[in-house]
PDB file of N, CA and C in Angstrom:
ATOM      1  N   UNK A   1     -26.298-157.402 -72.135  1.00  0.00           N
ATOM      2  CA  UNK A   1     -28.331-157.502 -70.612  1.00  0.00           C
ATOM      3  C   UNK A   1     -27.952-158.501 -70.710  1.00  0.00           C
ATOM      4  N   UNK A   2     -28.803-159.569 -69.322  1.00  0.00           N
ATOM      5  CA  UNK A   2     -29.118-160.293 -69.972  1.00  0.00           C
ATOM      6  C   UNK A   2     -30.630-160.660 -70.475  1.00  0.00           C
ATOM      7  N   UNK A   3     -30.977-161.887 -70.671  1.00  0.00           N
ATOM      8  CA  UNK A   3     -32.345-161.916 -70.830  1.00  0.00           C
ATOM      9  C   UNK A   3     -32.609-162.883 -70.276  1.00  0.00           C
ATOM     10  N   UNK A   4     -34.276-161.832 -70.109  1.00  0.00           N
ATOM     11  CA  UNK A   4     -35.552-162.259 -68.688  1.00  0.00           C
ATOM     12  C   UNK A   4     -35.191-164.186 -69.598  1.00  0.00           C
ATOM     13  N   UNK A   5     -35.641-165.343 -68.723  1.00  0.00           N
ATOM     14  CA  UNK A   5     -36.067-166.391 -69.891  1.00  0.00           C
ATOM     15  C   UNK A   5     -36.578-167.289 -68.374  1.00  0.00           C
ATOM     16  N   UNK A   6     -37.891-167.549 -68.820  1.00  0.00           N
ATOM     17  CA  UNK A   6     -38.606-168.174 -68.189  1.00  0.00           C
ATOM     18  C   UNK A   6     -38.250-169.563 -67.620  1.00  0.00           C
ATOM     19  N   UNK A   7     -38.570-169.757 -66.405  1.00  0.00           N
ATOM     20  CA  UNK A   7     -38.053-171.340 -65.730  1.00  0.00           C
ATOM     21  C   UNK A   7     -38.595-172.115 -66.562  1.00  0.00           C
ATOM     22  N   UNK A   8     -39.849-172.127 -67.312  1.00  0.00           N
ATOM     23  CA  UNK A   8     -40.308-173.297 -67.872  1.00  0.00           C
ATOM     24  C   UNK A   8     -41.313-172.760 -68.516  1.00  0.00           C
ATOM     25  N   UNK A   9     -42.340-174.185 -69.473  1.00  0.00           N
ATOM     26  CA  UNK A   9     -43.075-173.124 -70.260  1.00  0.00           C
ATOM     27  C   UNK A   9     -43.863-172.454 -69.752  1.00  0.00           C
ATOM     28  N   UNK A  10     -44.476-171.184 -70.315  1.00  0.00           N
ATOM     29  CA  UNK A  10     -45.445-170.406 -69.633  1.00  0.00           C
ATOM     30  C   UNK A  10     -46.917-171.802 -69.483  1.00  0.00           C
ATOM     31  N   UNK A  11     -46.988-172.095 -70.758  1.00  0.00           N
ATOM     32  CA  UNK A  11     -48.548-173.534 -71.329  1.00  0.00           C
ATOM     33  C   UNK A  11     -47.781-174.506 -71.698  1.00  0.00           C
ATOM     34  N   UNK A  12     -48.313-175.895 -71.382  1.00  0.00           N
ATOM     35  CA  UNK A  12     -48.042-177.098 -71.994  1.00  0.00           C
ATOM     36  C   UNK A  12     -49.428-177.737 -72.635  1.00  0.00           C
ATOM     37  N   UNK A  13     -49.217-179.269 -73.460  1.00  0.00           N
ATOM     38  CA  UNK A  13     -50.294-180.059 -73.670  1.00  0.00           C
ATOM     39  C   UNK A  13     -49.449-181.489 -73.860  1.00  0.00           C
ATOM     40  N   UNK A  14     -50.394-182.249 -73.889  1.00  0.00           N
ATOM     41  CA  UNK A  14     -50.082-183.398 -73.948  1.00  0.00           C
ATOM     42  C   UNK A  14     -51.047-184.102 -74.755  1.00  0.00           C
ATOM     43  N   UNK A  15     -50.586-184.871 -76.044  1.00  0.00           N
ATOM     44  CA  UNK A  15     -51.372-185.635 -76.651  1.00  0.00           C
ATOM     45  C   UNK A  15     -50.428-186.873 -77.206  1.00  0.00           C
ATOM     46  N   UNK A  16     -51.395-187.757 -77.136  1.00  0.00           N
ATOM     47  CA  UNK A  16     -51.323-189.004 -76.440  1.00  0.00           C
ATOM     48  C   UNK A  16     -51.124-189.528 -78.434  1.00  0.00           C
ATOM     49  N   UNK A  17     -50.336-190.152 -78.951  1.00  0.00           N
ATOM     50  CA  UNK A  17     -49.655-190.619 -80.026  1.00  0.00           C
ATOM     51  C   UNK A  17     -49.789-192.335 -80.102  1.00  0.00           C
ATOM     52  N   UNK A  18     -50.662-192.589 -80.971  1.00  0.00           N
ATOM     53  CA  UNK A  18     -50.485-194.543 -80.930  1.00  0.00           C
ATOM     54  C   UNK A  18     -49.035-194.231 -82.156  1.00  0.00           C
ATOM     55  N   UNK A  19     -48.397-195.594 -81.764  1.00  0.00           N
ATOM     56  CA  UNK A  19     -47.584-196.225 -82.272  1.00  0.00           C
ATOM     57  C   UNK A  19     -47.477-196.299 -83.493  1.00  0.00           C
ATOM     58  N   UNK A  20     -48.748-196.861 -84.370  1.00  0.00           N
ATOM     59  CA  UNK A  20     -49.518-196.910 -85.671  1.00  0.00           C
ATOM     60  C   UNK A  20     -49.303-195.933 -86.290  1.00  0.00           C
ATOM     61  N   UNK A  21     -49.413-194.614 -85.663  1.00  0.00           N
ATOM     62  CA  UNK A  21     -50.007-193.149 -86.457  1.00  0.00           C
ATOM     63  C   UNK A  21     -48.648-192.707 -86.682  1.00  0.00           C
ATOM     64  N   UNK A  22     -47.399-193.132 -85.910  1.00  0.00           N
ATOM     65  CA  UNK A  22     -46.248-192.322 -86.611  1.00  0.00           C
ATOM     66  C   UNK A  22     -45.060-192.397 -87.642  1.00  0.00           C
ATOM     67  N   UNK A  23     -44.705-191.048 -88.218  1.00  0.00           N
ATOM     68  CA  UNK A  23     -44.727-191.451 -88.799  1.00  0.00           C
ATOM     69  C   UNK A  23     -42.826-191.918 -89.360  1.00  0.00           C
ATOM     70  N   UNK A  24     -42.343-192.028 -88.516  1.00  0.00           N
ATOM     71  CA  UNK A  24     -41.048-192.743 -88.465  1.00  0.00           C
ATOM     72  C   UNK A  24     -40.865-194.486 -87.763  1.00  0.00           C
ATOM     73  N   UNK A  25     -40.534-194.958 -88.337  1.00  0.00           N
ATOM     74  CA  UNK A  25     -40.821-196.912 -88.347  1.00  0.00           C
ATOM     75  C   UNK A  25     -40.416-197.449 -87.050  1.00  0.00           C
ATOM     76  N   UNK A  26     -38.685-196.534 -86.960  1.00  0.00           N
ATOM     77  CA  UNK A  26     -37.713-196.938 -85.716  1.00  0.00           C
ATOM     78  C   UNK A  26     -38.363-196.298 -84.248  1.00  0.00           C
ATOM     79  N   UNK A  27     -38.767-195.321 -84.619  1.00  0.00           N
ATOM     80  CA  UNK A  27     -39.869-194.583 -83.102  1.00  0.00           C
ATOM     81  C   UNK A  27     -40.690-195.653 -82.909  1.00  0.00           C
ATOM     82  N   UNK A  28     -41.857-195.692 -84.085  1.00  0.00           N
ATOM     83  CA  UNK A  28     -42.804-196.706 -84.178  1.00  0.00           C
ATOM     84  C   UNK A  28     -42.736-197.972 -83.147  1.00  0.00           C
ATOM     85  N   UNK A  29     -41.333-198.615 -83.870  1.00  0.00           N
ATOM     86  CA  UNK A  29     -41.461-200.390 -83.453  1.00  0.00           C
ATOM     87  C   UNK A  29     -40.120-200.186 -81.927  1.00  0.00           C
ATOM     88  N   UNK A  30     -40.462-199.255 -81.735  1.00  0.00           N
ATOM     89  CA  UNK A  30     -39.152-199.219 -80.523  1.00  0.00           C
ATOM     90  C   UNK A  30     -40.342-199.010 -79.253  1.00  0.00           C
ATOM     91  N   UNK A  31     -41.428-198.391 -79.636  1.00  0.00           N
ATOM     92  CA  UNK A  31     -42.717-198.019 -79.027  1.00  0.00           C
ATOM     93  C   UNK A  31     -43.309-199.306 -78.510  1.00  0.00           C
ATOM     94  N   UNK A  32     -43.701-200.324 -79.474  1.00  0.00           N
ATOM     95  CA  UNK A  32     -44.256-201.336 -79.832  1.00  0.00           C
ATOM     96  C   UNK A  32     -43.488-202.388 -79.104  1.00  0.00           C
ATOM     97  N   UNK A  33     -42.086-202.867 -79.046  1.00  0.00           N
ATOM     98  CA  UNK A  33     -41.103-203.185 -78.331  1.00  0.00           C
ATOM     99  C   UNK A  33     -41.087-203.258 -76.986  1.00  0.00           C
ATOM    100  N   UNK A  34     -41.148-201.750 -76.279  1.00  0.00           N
ATOM    101  CA  UNK A  34     -41.102-201.189 -75.167  1.00  0.00           C
ATOM    102  C   UNK A  34     -42.408-201.942 -74.105  1.00  0.00           C
ATOM    103  N   UNK A  35     -43.552-201.477 -74.761  1.00  0.00           N
ATOM    104  CA  UNK A  35     -44.861-202.095 -74.392  1.00  0.00           C
ATOM    105  C   UNK A  35     -45.556-203.360 -74.270  1.00  0.00           C
ATOM    106  N   UNK A  36     -44.852-204.146 -75.213  1.00  0.00           N
ATOM    107  CA  UNK A  36     -44.965-205.518 -75.567  1.00  0.00           C
ATOM    108  C   UNK A  36     -43.846-206.082 -74.028  1.00  0.00           C
ATOM    109  N   UNK A  37     -43.221-205.802 -73.559  1.00  0.00           N
ATOM    110  CA  UNK A  37     -41.735-206.128 -73.281  1.00  0.00           C
ATOM    111  C   UNK A  37     -42.233-205.805 -71.953  1.00  0.00           C
ATOM    112  N   UNK A  38     -43.027-204.404 -71.417  1.00  0.00           N
ATOM    113  CA  UNK A  38     -43.423-204.022 -70.137  1.00  0.00           C
ATOM    114  C   UNK A  38     -45.117-205.132 -69.472  1.00  0.00           C
ATOM    115  N   UNK A  39     -45.735-204.919 -70.682  1.00  0.00           N
ATOM    116  CA  UNK A  39     -46.882-205.524 -70.158  1.00  0.00           C
ATOM    117  C   UNK A  39     -47.847-204.828 -69.119  1.00  0.00           C
ATOM    118  N   UNK A  40     -48.209-204.830 -68.338  1.00  0.00           N
ATOM    119  CA  UNK A  40     -48.427-204.113 -67.330  1.00  0.00           C
ATOM    120  C   UNK A  40     -48.001-203.690 -66.021  1.00  0.00           C
ATOM    121  N   UNK A  41     -46.816-204.086 -66.669  1.00  0.00           N
ATOM    122  CA  UNK A  41     -45.174-203.120 -65.332  1.00  0.00           C
ATOM    123  C   UNK A  41     -44.978-201.757 -65.788  1.00  0.00           C
ATOM    124  N   UNK A  42     -44.396-200.627 -65.373  1.00  0.00           N
ATOM    125  CA  UNK A  42     -44.060-199.556 -65.418  1.00  0.00           C
ATOM    126  C   UNK A  42     -43.161-199.553 -66.631  1.00  0.00           C
ATOM    127  N   UNK A  43     -41.828-200.515 -65.999  1.00  0.00           N
ATOM    128  CA  UNK A  43     -40.705-200.530 -67.589  1.00  0.00           C
ATOM    129  C   UNK A  43     -40.676-202.228 -66.804  1.00  0.00           C
ATOM    130  N   UNK A  44     -40.139-202.468 -68.791  1.00  0.00           N
ATOM    131  CA  UNK A  44     -39.729-203.671 -68.912  1.00  0.00           C
ATOM    132  C   UNK A  44     -39.000-204.146 -67.896  1.00  0.00           C
ATOM    133  N   UNK A  45     -38.595-205.068 -67.817  1.00  0.00           N
ATOM    134  CA  UNK A  45     -37.174-205.962 -66.521  1.00  0.00           C
ATOM    135  C   UNK A  45     -35.954-205.806 -67.944  1.00  0.00           C
ATOM    136  N   UNK A  46     -35.071-205.344 -67.262  1.00  0.00           N
ATOM    137  CA  UNK A  46     -33.451-205.661 -68.186  1.00  0.00           C
ATOM    138  C   UNK A  46     -33.358-206.456 -68.482  1.00  0.00           C
ATOM    139  N   UNK A  47     -33.509-207.707 -67.874  1.00  0.00           N
ATOM    140  CA  UNK A  47     -33.464-208.803 -68.418  1.00  0.00           C
ATOM    141  C   UNK A  47     -34.126-209.571 -69.610  1.00  0.00           C
ATOM    142  N   UNK A  48     -35.431-208.607 -69.743  1.00  0.00           N
ATOM    143  CA  UNK A  48     -36.291-209.137 -71.000  1.00  0.00           C
ATOM    144  C   UNK A  48     -35.668-208.255 -72.213  1.00  0.00           C
ATOM    145  N   UNK A  49     -34.677-207.164 -71.841  1.00  0.00           N
ATOM    146  CA  UNK A  49     -33.843-206.374 -73.185  1.00  0.00           C
ATOM    147  C   UNK A  49     -33.300-207.396 -74.225  1.00  0.00           C
ATOM    148  N   UNK A  50     -33.163-206.995 -75.021  1.00  0.00           N
ATOM    149  CA  UNK A  50     -32.446-208.015 -76.052  1.00  0.00           C
ATOM    150  C   UNK A  50     -32.040-207.041 -77.132  1.00  0.00           C
ATOM    151  N   UNK A  51     -30.345-207.222 -77.731  1.00  0.00           N
ATOM    152  CA  UNK A  51     -30.203-206.225 -78.601  1.00  0.00           C
ATOM    153  C   UNK A  51     -30.933-206.610 -79.731  1.00  0.00           C
ATOM    154  N   UNK A  52     -30.350-207.863 -79.987  1.00  0.00           N
ATOM    155  CA  UNK A  52     -30.966-208.045 -81.026  1.00  0.00           C
ATOM    156  C   UNK A  52     -32.599-207.970 -81.679  1.00  0.00           C
ATOM    157  N   UNK A  53     -33.079-207.895 -80.752  1.00  0.00           N
ATOM    158  CA  UNK A  53     -34.411-207.193 -80.730  1.00  0.00           C
ATOM    159  C   UNK A  53     -34.305-206.373 -80.932  1.00  0.00           C
ATOM    160  N   UNK A  54     -33.482-205.082 -81.040  1.00  0.00           N
ATOM    161  CA  UNK A  54     -33.806-203.992 -80.887  1.00  0.00           C
ATOM    162  C   UNK A  54     -32.901-203.252 -82.137  1.00  0.00           C
ATOM    163  N   UNK A  55     -32.630-204.605 -82.789  1.00  0.00           N
ATOM    164  CA  UNK A  55     -31.452-204.069 -83.616  1.00  0.00           C
ATOM    165  C   UNK A  55     -32.020-202.756 -84.547  1.00  0.00           C
ATOM    166  N   UNK A  56     -32.874-202.489 -85.019  1.00  0.00           N
ATOM    167  CA  UNK A  56     -33.856-201.602 -86.077  1.00  0.00           C
ATOM    168  C   UNK A  56     -34.250-200.641 -85.453  1.00  0.00           C
ATOM    169  N   UNK A  57     -34.010-199.856 -84.401  1.00  0.00           N
ATOM    170  CA  UNK A  57     -33.795-198.634 -83.888  1.00  0.00           C
ATOM    171  C   UNK A  57     -32.959-198.657 -82.569  1.00  0.00           C
ATOM    172  N   UNK A  58     -31.936-199.650 -82.248  1.00  0.00           N
ATOM    173  CA  UNK A  58     -30.573-199.285 -81.363  1.00  0.00           C
ATOM    174  C   UNK A  58     -30.199-198.060 -81.406  1.00  0.00           C
ATOM    175  N   UNK A  59     -29.576-197.765 -82.596  1.00  0.00           N
ATOM    176  CA  UNK A  59     -29.048-196.491 -83.152  1.00  0.00           C
ATOM    177  C   UNK A  59     -29.532-194.915 -82.441  1.00  0.00           C
ATOM    178  N   UNK A  60     -31.351-195.077 -82.308  1.00  0.00           N
ATOM    179  CA  UNK A  60     -31.907-194.180 -81.853  1.00  0.00           C
ATOM    180  C   UNK A  60     -32.523-193.973 -80.464  1.00  0.00           C
ATOM    181  N   UNK A  61     -32.206-194.995 -79.715  1.00  0.00           N
ATOM    182  CA  UNK A  61     -32.634-195.045 -78.053  1.00  0.00           C
ATOM    183  C   UNK A  61     -31.114-194.904 -77.312  1.00  0.00           C
ATOM    184  N   UNK A  62     -31.921-194.592 -76.164  1.00  0.00           N
ATOM    185  CA  UNK A  62     -30.198-194.603 -74.717  1.00  0.00           C
ATOM    186  C   UNK A  62     -31.459-195.132 -73.563  1.00  0.00           C
ATOM    187  N   UNK A  63     -30.156-195.401 -72.888  1.00  0.00           N
ATOM    188  CA  UNK A  63     -30.357-197.142 -72.018  1.00  0.00           C
ATOM    189  C   UNK A  63     -30.341-196.058 -70.746  1.00  0.00           C
ATOM    190  N   UNK A  64     -31.165-196.301 -69.240  1.00  0.00           N
ATOM    191  CA  UNK A  64     -30.916-195.090 -68.411  1.00  0.00           C
ATOM    192  C   UNK A  64     -30.739-196.173 -67.343  1.00  0.00           C
ATOM    193  N   UNK A  65     -30.167-196.264 -66.687  1.00  0.00           N
ATOM    194  CA  UNK A  65     -30.419-197.334 -65.141  1.00  0.00           C
ATOM    195  C   UNK A  65     -30.443-196.749 -64.192  1.00  0.00           C
ATOM    196  N   UNK A  66     -31.555-197.148 -63.591  1.00  0.00           N
ATOM    197  CA  UNK A  66     -31.659-196.423 -62.506  1.00  0.00           C
ATOM    198  C   UNK A  66     -30.963-196.926 -61.196  1.00  0.00           C
ATOM    199  N   UNK A  67     -30.504-196.278 -60.454  1.00  0.00           N
ATOM    200  CA  UNK A  67     -30.158-196.595 -59.150  1.00  0.00           C
ATOM    201  C   UNK A  67     -30.899-196.255 -57.658  1.00  0.00           C
ATOM    202  N   UNK A  68     -30.936-197.230 -57.211  1.00  0.00           N
ATOM    203  CA  UNK A  68     -31.494-197.167 -55.543  1.00  0.00           C
ATOM    204  C   UNK A  68     -32.981-196.928 -55.635  1.00  0.00           C
ATOM    205  N   UNK A  69     -33.330-197.055 -57.170  1.00  0.00           N
ATOM    206  CA  UNK A  69     -34.836-196.345 -57.097  1.00  0.00           C
ATOM    207  C   UNK A  69     -35.676-195.024 -57.078  1.00  0.00           C
ATOM    208  N   UNK A  70     -34.536-194.314 -57.801  1.00  0.00           N
ATOM    209  CA  UNK A  70     -34.581-192.780 -57.676  1.00  0.00           C
ATOM    210  C   UNK A  70     -34.519-192.770 -59.266  1.00  0.00           C
TER     211      UNK A  70
END
């Protein structure tokens, strides 16, 4: 018998978490690095990303390329 699974959560919430309060050092470092590079922009420029600078958290991230602005 098929289960009745809702399309999404019935309720959700957002909690802002400051990087310095995270227990995970790699995640906190990645967030700080990202914010530093992006400045006032929504995303950092691809040319500004450095594998060497991301070495402490590189195994824990996924980079996605936006194609045609979508």
